[in-house]
Amino acid sequence: MIKGILFDVDGVIFDSEEFIRQSYYDWYKKRHNIKITYEDLLPYTGTGEPTSIEGLGKTFGLDFDLEEDKKGIYDCYEQIIQGVLKLMPGVRAFIENAKKAGLKLSLATSADRTKLNSSMKATGLGPENFDFIVSGDMVTRTKPDGSIYRYAASGLVLPNEECLVVEDALSGHIAAKRAGSPSLGVESSFPAEPQILSGADCVIKDLSAFPAFSTLEEFNEKWEQLCRSFREKSVIGKLLERAEAAIKNAYAPYSNFRVGAAVLTEKGNIYGGCNVENASFGATICAERGAAMTAVEAEGKTKFRALAIVSQSFEPAPPCALCRQFFSEFADTEMQVYLLSLKSGTYRHTNFGSLLPFAFEFEDK
């Protein structure tokens, strides 16, 4: 059961993304005499100023001073937002409903507290609305590292699996999954599919699209309904559908344990596979590897973005150790993994790094 909400700030609470970009444009023109673009900033969305400043410094070969640049950007931002910064649609109603339902609320921003204070002052949404606040200057590593969301959950005295992250940035969804939290995406910075493939469980336009609720039980019911509906219409649903089609042809006369799988490649194609057993146990092929081999046969060396596995066991079946090592050849730690039990309807979502933290890797010497 979800008992806490961990909010990202920019693009989730405040409609500030445009003003953040403008503050970068103004400062880099003033201080470094260069014109940076939207495309230059996009990879650093949600990662915080230290990461952005260092990244831009390397890109343009700048002799930058982190503290000077950060202060300059924040000063520009504070001036730009006066009289124009607004809350994102649905924020006040969602917070009111959450407090009424007894949910604990935390803010978790990669920016420094100075910038957060400017946004709060400009909109009138004060810190008293939240039970705990974490800013970028309070952690050593910001998003996509999971530290900020682990810290935010600990501040609410809740485990991460009981805290829903609300994010708009790809780095934020990655951070949520690394911390062990489910995540809800809003489409202020990125469309739905990139957010899904970074870890979002569900994506909505903004918080005004979240159904009204007044109790903890009602919130969790609405959240589950929203996720289920979203899965059916998204690439997650397509993956699970392909895996369900594959399980029908599973050959498992010895174990009677039937499994279907589907992989999504970086080209956007989906390939399915089923388990095929053999009287010689070592000759058995798991569904996951079957799907992977079909993909490689069709595309050659490729990268997998997502894996879905369906089984007829009561609990969803994760890939075996052999399959996990096999997939490390074609997937990074952020590959999304979806597990579904056709018997109980139980659904699990994690990332590949959680399943295989220490993979064997080839070292080219």
Protein backbone atom coordinates (compact mmCIF):
# COMPACT_ATOMS: atom_id res chain seq x y z
CA MET A 1 0.00 0.00 0.00
CA ILE A 2 1.25 3.48 -0.90
CA LYS A 3 1.47 5.64 2.23
CA GLY A 4 3.71 8.50 1.05
CA ILE A 5 4.23 10.71 -2.01
CA LEU A 6 7.69 11.88 -3.06
CA PHE A 7 7.26 14.84 -5.43
CA ASP A 8 9.83 16.04 -7.89
CA VAL A 9 9.51 19.83 -8.05
CA ASP A 10 10.16 21.45 -11.44
CA GLY A 11 7.61 20.36 -14.00
CA VAL A 12 5.59 18.51 -11.34
CA ILE A 13 4.78 21.10 -8.64
CA PHE A 14 5.81 24.29 -10.44
CA ASP A 15 5.35 25.11 -14.13
CA SER A 16 8.97 26.18 -14.17
CA GLU A 17 10.78 24.24 -16.89
CA GLU A 18 10.55 27.09 -19.43
CA PHE A 19 11.91 29.59 -16.90
CA ILE A 20 14.76 27.28 -15.89
CA ARG A 21 15.84 27.00 -19.51
CA GLN A 22 15.64 30.77 -19.95
CA SER A 23 17.80 31.32 -16.87
CA TYR A 24 20.47 29.08 -18.43
CA TYR A 25 20.21 30.90 -21.78
CA ASP A 26 20.58 34.30 -20.10
CA TRP A 27 23.42 33.34 -17.78
CA TYR A 28 25.54 31.51 -20.35
CA LYS A 29 25.16 34.39 -22.77
CA LYS A 30 26.11 36.90 -20.05
CA ARG A 31 28.93 34.94 -18.36
CA HIS A 32 30.36 32.74 -21.13
CA ASN A 33 29.17 34.58 -24.24
CA ILE A 34 27.70 31.44 -25.80
CA LYS A 35 24.21 30.60 -27.00
CA ILE A 36 22.99 27.30 -25.64
CA THR A 37 19.87 25.59 -26.96
CA TYR A 38 16.99 23.46 -25.73
CA GLU A 39 18.76 20.40 -27.17
CA ASP A 40 21.91 21.25 -25.18
CA LEU A 41 19.94 21.24 -21.93
CA LEU A 42 17.60 18.30 -22.57
CA PRO A 43 20.02 15.52 -21.43
CA TYR A 44 20.37 17.25 -18.05
CA THR A 45 16.66 17.73 -17.31
CA GLY A 46 16.05 16.86 -13.67
CA THR A 47 19.68 16.13 -12.82
CA GLY A 48 20.46 19.35 -10.92
CA GLU A 49 22.79 22.26 -11.57
CA PRO A 50 26.15 20.60 -10.75
CA THR A 51 25.55 17.91 -13.38
CA SER A 52 24.20 20.44 -15.91
CA ILE A 53 27.01 22.94 -15.42
CA GLU A 54 29.73 20.30 -15.60
CA GLY A 55 28.13 18.70 -18.66
CA LEU A 56 27.79 22.01 -20.50
CA GLY A 57 31.33 22.91 -19.50
CA LYS A 58 32.69 19.77 -21.15
CA THR A 59 30.48 20.19 -24.23
CA PHE A 60 31.59 23.77 -24.90
CA GLY A 61 35.09 23.56 -23.41
CA LEU A 62 34.35 26.21 -20.79
CA ASP A 63 36.50 27.37 -17.91
CA PHE A 64 33.59 27.30 -15.47
CA ASP A 65 33.23 27.89 -11.74
CA LEU A 66 30.50 25.65 -10.34
CA GLU A 67 29.43 27.91 -7.47
CA GLU A 68 29.58 31.10 -9.54
CA ASP A 69 27.58 29.57 -12.39
CA LYS A 70 25.04 28.05 -10.03
CA LYS A 71 24.47 31.35 -8.23
CA GLY A 72 24.21 33.18 -11.55
CA ILE A 73 21.60 30.74 -12.88
CA TYR A 74 19.57 30.94 -9.65
CA ASP A 75 19.69 34.75 -9.66
CA CYS A 76 18.45 34.82 -13.26
CA TYR A 77 15.70 32.33 -12.39
CA GLU A 78 14.50 34.38 -9.40
CA GLN A 79 14.19 37.49 -11.56
CA ILE A 80 12.45 35.71 -14.44
CA ILE A 81 9.70 34.01 -12.39
CA GLN A 82 8.38 37.09 -10.62
CA GLY A 83 4.66 37.42 -11.35
CA VAL A 84 4.62 34.61 -13.92
CA LEU A 85 5.49 31.32 -12.17
CA LYS A 86 2.44 29.14 -11.53
CA LEU A 87 1.65 25.81 -9.95
CA MET A 88 1.15 22.93 -12.35
CA PRO A 89 -2.53 22.07 -12.97
CA GLY A 90 -4.11 19.97 -10.23
CA VAL A 91 -1.32 20.42 -7.67
CA ARG A 92 -3.32 22.18 -4.94
CA ALA A 93 -6.27 19.78 -5.20
CA PHE A 94 -3.99 16.73 -5.19
CA ILE A 95 -2.10 17.95 -2.11
CA GLU A 96 -5.36 18.73 -0.31
CA ASN A 97 -6.76 15.28 -1.13
CA ALA A 98 -3.49 13.60 -0.08
CA LYS A 99 -3.42 15.36 3.28
CA LYS A 100 -7.08 14.51 3.85
CA ALA A 101 -6.32 10.85 3.06
CA GLY A 102 -3.43 10.76 5.54
CA LEU A 103 -0.65 10.38 2.97
CA LYS A 104 2.76 11.70 4.01
CA LEU A 105 4.25 14.19 1.54
CA SER A 106 7.85 15.01 0.65
CA LEU A 107 9.55 17.21 -1.92
CA ALA A 108 12.73 15.90 -3.54
CA THR A 109 14.46 18.29 -5.91
CA SER A 110 17.92 18.09 -7.49
CA ALA A 111 18.16 21.88 -7.29
CA ASP A 112 19.50 23.73 -4.24
CA ARG A 113 17.13 24.96 -1.53
CA THR A 114 17.78 28.53 -2.70
CA LYS A 115 15.97 27.88 -5.98
CA LEU A 116 13.15 25.98 -4.28
CA ASN A 117 12.61 28.88 -1.87
CA SER A 118 12.33 31.28 -4.83
CA SER A 119 9.64 29.11 -6.42
CA MET A 120 7.71 28.74 -3.18
CA LYS A 121 7.80 32.47 -2.52
CA ALA A 122 6.62 33.26 -6.06
CA THR A 123 3.64 30.89 -5.88
CA GLY A 124 2.71 31.01 -2.22
CA LEU A 125 3.00 27.22 -1.80
CA GLY A 126 5.02 27.06 1.40
CA PRO A 127 7.03 24.29 3.10
CA GLU A 128 4.24 23.80 5.65
CA ASN A 129 2.40 21.76 2.99
CA PHE A 130 5.02 19.00 3.18
CA ASP A 131 6.26 16.67 5.89
CA PHE A 132 9.85 16.56 4.61
CA ILE A 133 11.94 18.36 2.00
CA VAL A 134 15.16 17.20 0.32
CA SER A 135 17.13 19.49 -1.99
CA GLY A 136 20.19 18.87 -4.13
CA ASP A 137 22.56 20.53 -1.68
CA MET A 138 21.59 17.95 0.96
CA VAL A 139 22.83 14.90 -0.98
CA THR A 140 26.18 13.95 -2.49
CA ARG A 141 24.72 12.35 -5.62
CA THR A 142 21.61 13.66 -7.35
CA LYS A 143 19.33 12.02 -9.93
CA PRO A 144 19.57 9.57 -11.65
CA ASP A 145 21.18 8.14 -8.51
CA GLY A 146 18.50 6.90 -6.13
CA SER A 147 19.92 8.61 -3.03
CA ILE A 148 17.55 11.58 -3.08
CA TYR A 149 14.45 9.37 -3.07
CA ARG A 150 15.86 7.04 -0.43
CA TYR A 151 16.52 10.11 1.73
CA ALA A 152 13.03 11.49 1.07
CA ALA A 153 11.38 8.19 2.06
CA SER A 154 13.49 7.92 5.21
CA GLY A 155 12.37 11.44 6.14
CA LEU A 156 8.78 10.20 6.05
CA VAL A 157 9.81 7.09 8.05
CA LEU A 158 8.53 4.84 5.27
CA PRO A 159 10.16 2.18 3.08
CA ASN A 160 10.57 3.19 -0.55
CA GLU A 161 8.14 0.56 -1.81
CA GLU A 162 5.41 2.40 0.14
CA CYS A 163 6.29 5.77 -1.43
CA LEU A 164 5.05 6.84 -4.87
CA VAL A 165 7.42 9.12 -6.77
CA VAL A 166 5.84 11.76 -9.03
CA GLU A 167 8.25 12.77 -11.80
CA ASP A 168 8.50 14.42 -15.21
CA ALA A 169 12.15 13.67 -16.02
CA LEU A 170 13.74 10.47 -17.29
CA SER A 171 16.55 10.78 -14.75
CA GLY A 172 13.94 11.00 -12.01
CA HIS A 173 12.18 7.77 -13.00
CA ILE A 174 15.54 6.01 -13.12
CA ALA A 175 16.27 7.35 -9.63
CA ALA A 176 12.88 6.15 -8.38
CA LYS A 177 13.46 2.60 -9.63
CA ARG A 178 17.01 2.56 -8.22
CA ALA A 179 15.55 3.55 -4.86
CA GLY A 180 12.84 0.88 -5.08
CA SER A 181 9.81 3.15 -5.49
CA PRO A 182 6.95 3.02 -8.00
CA SER A 183 6.68 6.18 -10.09
CA LEU A 184 3.98 8.26 -11.73
CA GLY A 185 4.99 10.40 -14.71
CA VAL A 186 3.56 13.72 -15.86
CA GLU A 187 4.05 14.91 -19.44
CA SER A 188 5.58 18.34 -18.87
CA SER A 189 9.10 17.56 -20.11
CA PHE A 190 8.93 14.22 -21.95
CA PRO A 191 6.20 12.19 -23.71
CA ALA A 192 4.93 8.95 -22.19
CA GLU A 193 7.05 6.26 -23.88
CA PRO A 194 10.52 7.58 -22.91
CA GLN A 195 9.24 7.89 -19.35
CA ILE A 196 7.95 4.30 -19.43
CA LEU A 197 11.30 3.02 -20.64
CA SER A 198 13.02 4.96 -17.85
CA GLY A 199 10.85 3.35 -15.17
CA ALA A 200 7.46 5.10 -14.99
CA ASP A 201 4.60 2.77 -14.01
CA CYS A 202 2.00 5.15 -15.39
CA VAL A 203 2.06 8.54 -17.17
CA ILE A 204 -0.64 11.24 -17.09
CA LYS A 205 -0.83 14.76 -18.51
CA ASP A 206 -0.57 16.40 -15.07
CA LEU A 207 -1.94 15.89 -11.56
CA SER A 208 -5.36 17.22 -12.54
CA ALA A 209 -5.79 13.91 -14.41
CA PHE A 210 -5.46 11.89 -11.18
CA PRO A 211 -8.97 10.94 -9.93
CA ALA A 212 -10.21 12.56 -6.72
CA PHE A 213 -9.80 10.57 -3.50
CA SER A 214 -10.34 11.14 0.22
CA THR A 215 -8.96 8.06 1.99
CA LEU A 216 -5.75 6.06 1.86
CA GLU A 217 -7.63 3.00 0.59
CA GLU A 218 -9.36 5.03 -2.12
CA PHE A 219 -6.07 6.55 -3.25
CA ASN A 220 -4.47 3.11 -3.62
CA GLU A 221 -7.52 1.81 -5.47
CA LYS A 222 -7.40 4.77 -7.90
CA TRP A 223 -3.66 4.32 -8.38
CA GLU A 224 -4.02 0.62 -9.23
CA GLN A 225 -6.89 1.34 -11.63
CA LEU A 226 -4.90 4.09 -13.32
CA CYS A 227 -1.85 1.83 -13.75
CA ARG A 228 -3.92 -1.07 -15.08
CA SER A 229 -5.69 1.13 -17.62
CA PHE A 230 -2.42 2.75 -18.69
CA ARG A 231 -0.63 -0.59 -19.11
CA GLU A 232 -3.32 -1.88 -21.44
CA LYS A 233 -2.95 1.11 -23.78
CA SER A 234 0.83 1.50 -23.69
CA VAL A 235 3.88 -0.41 -24.90
CA ILE A 236 3.76 -2.34 -21.60
CA GLY A 237 0.41 -3.80 -22.65
CA LYS A 238 1.80 -4.73 -26.07
CA LEU A 239 4.71 -6.56 -24.45
CA LEU A 240 2.48 -8.47 -22.05
CA GLU A 241 0.06 -9.30 -24.86
CA ARG A 242 2.89 -10.73 -26.97
CA ALA A 243 4.17 -12.75 -24.02
CA GLU A 244 0.66 -14.13 -23.39
CA ALA A 245 0.44 -15.17 -27.03
CA ALA A 246 3.79 -16.97 -26.74
CA ILE A 247 2.88 -18.93 -23.60
CA LYS A 248 0.17 -20.77 -25.51
CA ASN A 249 2.87 -22.67 -27.41
CA ALA A 250 5.12 -23.39 -24.43
CA TYR A 251 6.46 -26.96 -24.42
CA ALA A 252 6.72 -28.03 -20.78
CA PRO A 253 5.74 -31.71 -20.46
CA TYR A 254 8.22 -32.36 -17.62
CA SER A 255 7.65 -29.43 -15.25
CA ASN A 256 4.24 -28.28 -16.52
CA PHE A 257 5.61 -24.79 -15.78
CA ARG A 258 4.66 -22.74 -18.83
CA VAL A 259 6.25 -19.34 -19.47
CA GLY A 260 5.92 -16.72 -22.19
CA ALA A 261 8.21 -13.73 -22.74
CA ALA A 262 8.58 -10.73 -25.00
CA VAL A 263 11.42 -8.25 -25.54
CA LEU A 264 11.37 -4.70 -26.89
CA THR A 265 14.45 -3.72 -28.90
CA GLU A 266 15.98 -0.30 -29.36
CA LYS A 267 14.42 -0.22 -32.86
CA GLY A 268 10.96 -0.45 -31.28
CA ASN A 269 10.24 -4.04 -32.35
CA ILE A 270 8.73 -6.68 -30.09
CA TYR A 271 9.71 -10.37 -30.24
CA GLY A 272 8.19 -13.25 -28.30
CA GLY A 273 9.36 -16.62 -27.01
CA CYS A 274 8.17 -19.55 -24.90
CA ASN A 275 10.00 -22.13 -22.81
CA VAL A 276 10.91 -25.37 -24.57
CA GLU A 277 11.87 -28.26 -22.28
CA ASN A 278 13.93 -31.35 -23.04
CA ALA A 279 14.41 -34.76 -21.45
CA SER A 280 18.01 -33.62 -21.01
CA PHE A 281 17.38 -30.83 -18.53
CA GLY A 282 20.38 -28.77 -19.63
CA ALA A 283 19.00 -28.58 -23.18
CA THR A 284 15.89 -26.70 -22.00
CA ILE A 285 15.49 -23.16 -23.39
CA CYS A 286 13.77 -20.54 -21.23
CA ALA A 287 11.14 -18.25 -22.74
CA GLU A 288 13.28 -15.16 -22.12
CA ARG A 289 16.25 -16.51 -24.05
CA GLY A 290 13.93 -17.75 -26.80
CA ALA A 291 12.56 -14.24 -27.28
CA ALA A 292 16.05 -12.76 -27.15
CA MET A 293 17.42 -15.16 -29.78
CA THR A 294 14.52 -14.38 -32.11
CA ALA A 295 15.31 -10.68 -31.75
CA VAL A 296 19.00 -11.19 -32.44
CA GLU A 297 18.23 -13.38 -35.47
CA ALA A 298 16.02 -10.59 -36.87
CA GLU A 299 18.15 -7.55 -36.01
CA GLY A 300 21.66 -8.75 -35.26
CA LYS A 301 23.43 -7.27 -32.23
CA THR A 302 20.81 -5.10 -30.59
CA LYS A 303 19.90 -3.56 -27.27
CA PHE A 304 16.82 -4.56 -25.28
CA ARG A 305 14.80 -1.76 -23.70
CA ALA A 306 12.17 -3.87 -21.92
CA LEU A 307 11.33 -7.48 -21.04
CA ALA A 308 7.91 -8.92 -20.15
CA ILE A 309 7.41 -12.37 -18.63
CA VAL A 310 4.07 -14.10 -18.01
CA SER A 311 3.67 -17.38 -16.14
CA GLN A 312 0.97 -19.61 -14.69
CA SER A 313 2.52 -19.68 -11.21
CA PHE A 314 0.67 -17.93 -8.38
CA GLU A 315 3.54 -15.45 -7.95
CA PRO A 316 5.05 -13.79 -11.07
CA ALA A 317 8.15 -15.67 -12.24
CA PRO A 318 11.35 -13.65 -12.61
CA PRO A 319 14.05 -14.77 -15.08
CA CYS A 320 16.39 -17.49 -13.82
CA ALA A 321 20.04 -16.72 -13.05
CA LEU A 322 21.20 -18.06 -16.40
CA CYS A 323 18.76 -15.80 -18.28
CA ARG A 324 19.82 -12.80 -16.22
CA GLN A 325 23.44 -13.28 -17.19
CA PHE A 326 22.42 -13.94 -20.80
CA PHE A 327 20.48 -10.66 -20.94
CA SER A 328 23.41 -8.68 -19.55
CA GLU A 329 24.97 -9.09 -23.00
CA PHE A 330 22.14 -7.08 -24.59
CA ALA A 331 20.69 -4.87 -21.83
CA ASP A 332 21.85 -2.22 -19.41
CA THR A 333 20.79 -1.88 -15.79
CA GLU A 334 17.85 0.38 -16.73
CA MET A 335 16.06 -2.16 -18.93
CA GLN A 336 12.51 -2.36 -17.60
CA VAL A 337 11.22 -5.77 -16.52
CA TYR A 338 7.49 -6.55 -16.23
CA LEU A 339 6.29 -9.75 -14.55
CA LEU A 340 2.70 -11.01 -14.60
CA SER A 341 1.04 -14.08 -13.07
CA LEU A 342 -1.84 -15.26 -15.26
CA LYS A 343 -3.10 -17.33 -12.34
CA SER A 344 -3.40 -14.66 -9.63
CA GLY A 345 -3.18 -11.48 -11.72
CA THR A 346 -0.25 -10.30 -9.57
CA TYR A 347 1.97 -7.83 -11.41
CA ARG A 348 5.54 -6.75 -10.65
CA HIS A 349 7.72 -4.05 -12.22
CA THR A 350 11.44 -3.56 -11.65
CA ASN A 351 14.61 -2.74 -13.56
CA PHE A 352 17.25 -5.19 -14.75
CA GLY A 353 19.92 -3.81 -12.42
CA SER A 354 17.83 -4.91 -9.43
CA LEU A 355 17.72 -8.46 -10.78
CA LEU A 356 21.43 -8.72 -11.62
CA PRO A 357 23.60 -6.29 -9.63
CA PHE A 358 26.93 -8.02 -10.41
CA ALA A 359 26.98 -9.35 -13.96
CA PHE A 360 30.00 -10.97 -15.64
CA GLU A 361 31.21 -8.56 -18.32
CA PHE A 362 33.68 -8.85 -21.15
CA GLU A 363 36.83 -6.77 -20.73
CA ASP A 364 38.65 -5.96 -23.92
CA LYS A 365 42.35 -5.86 -23.06
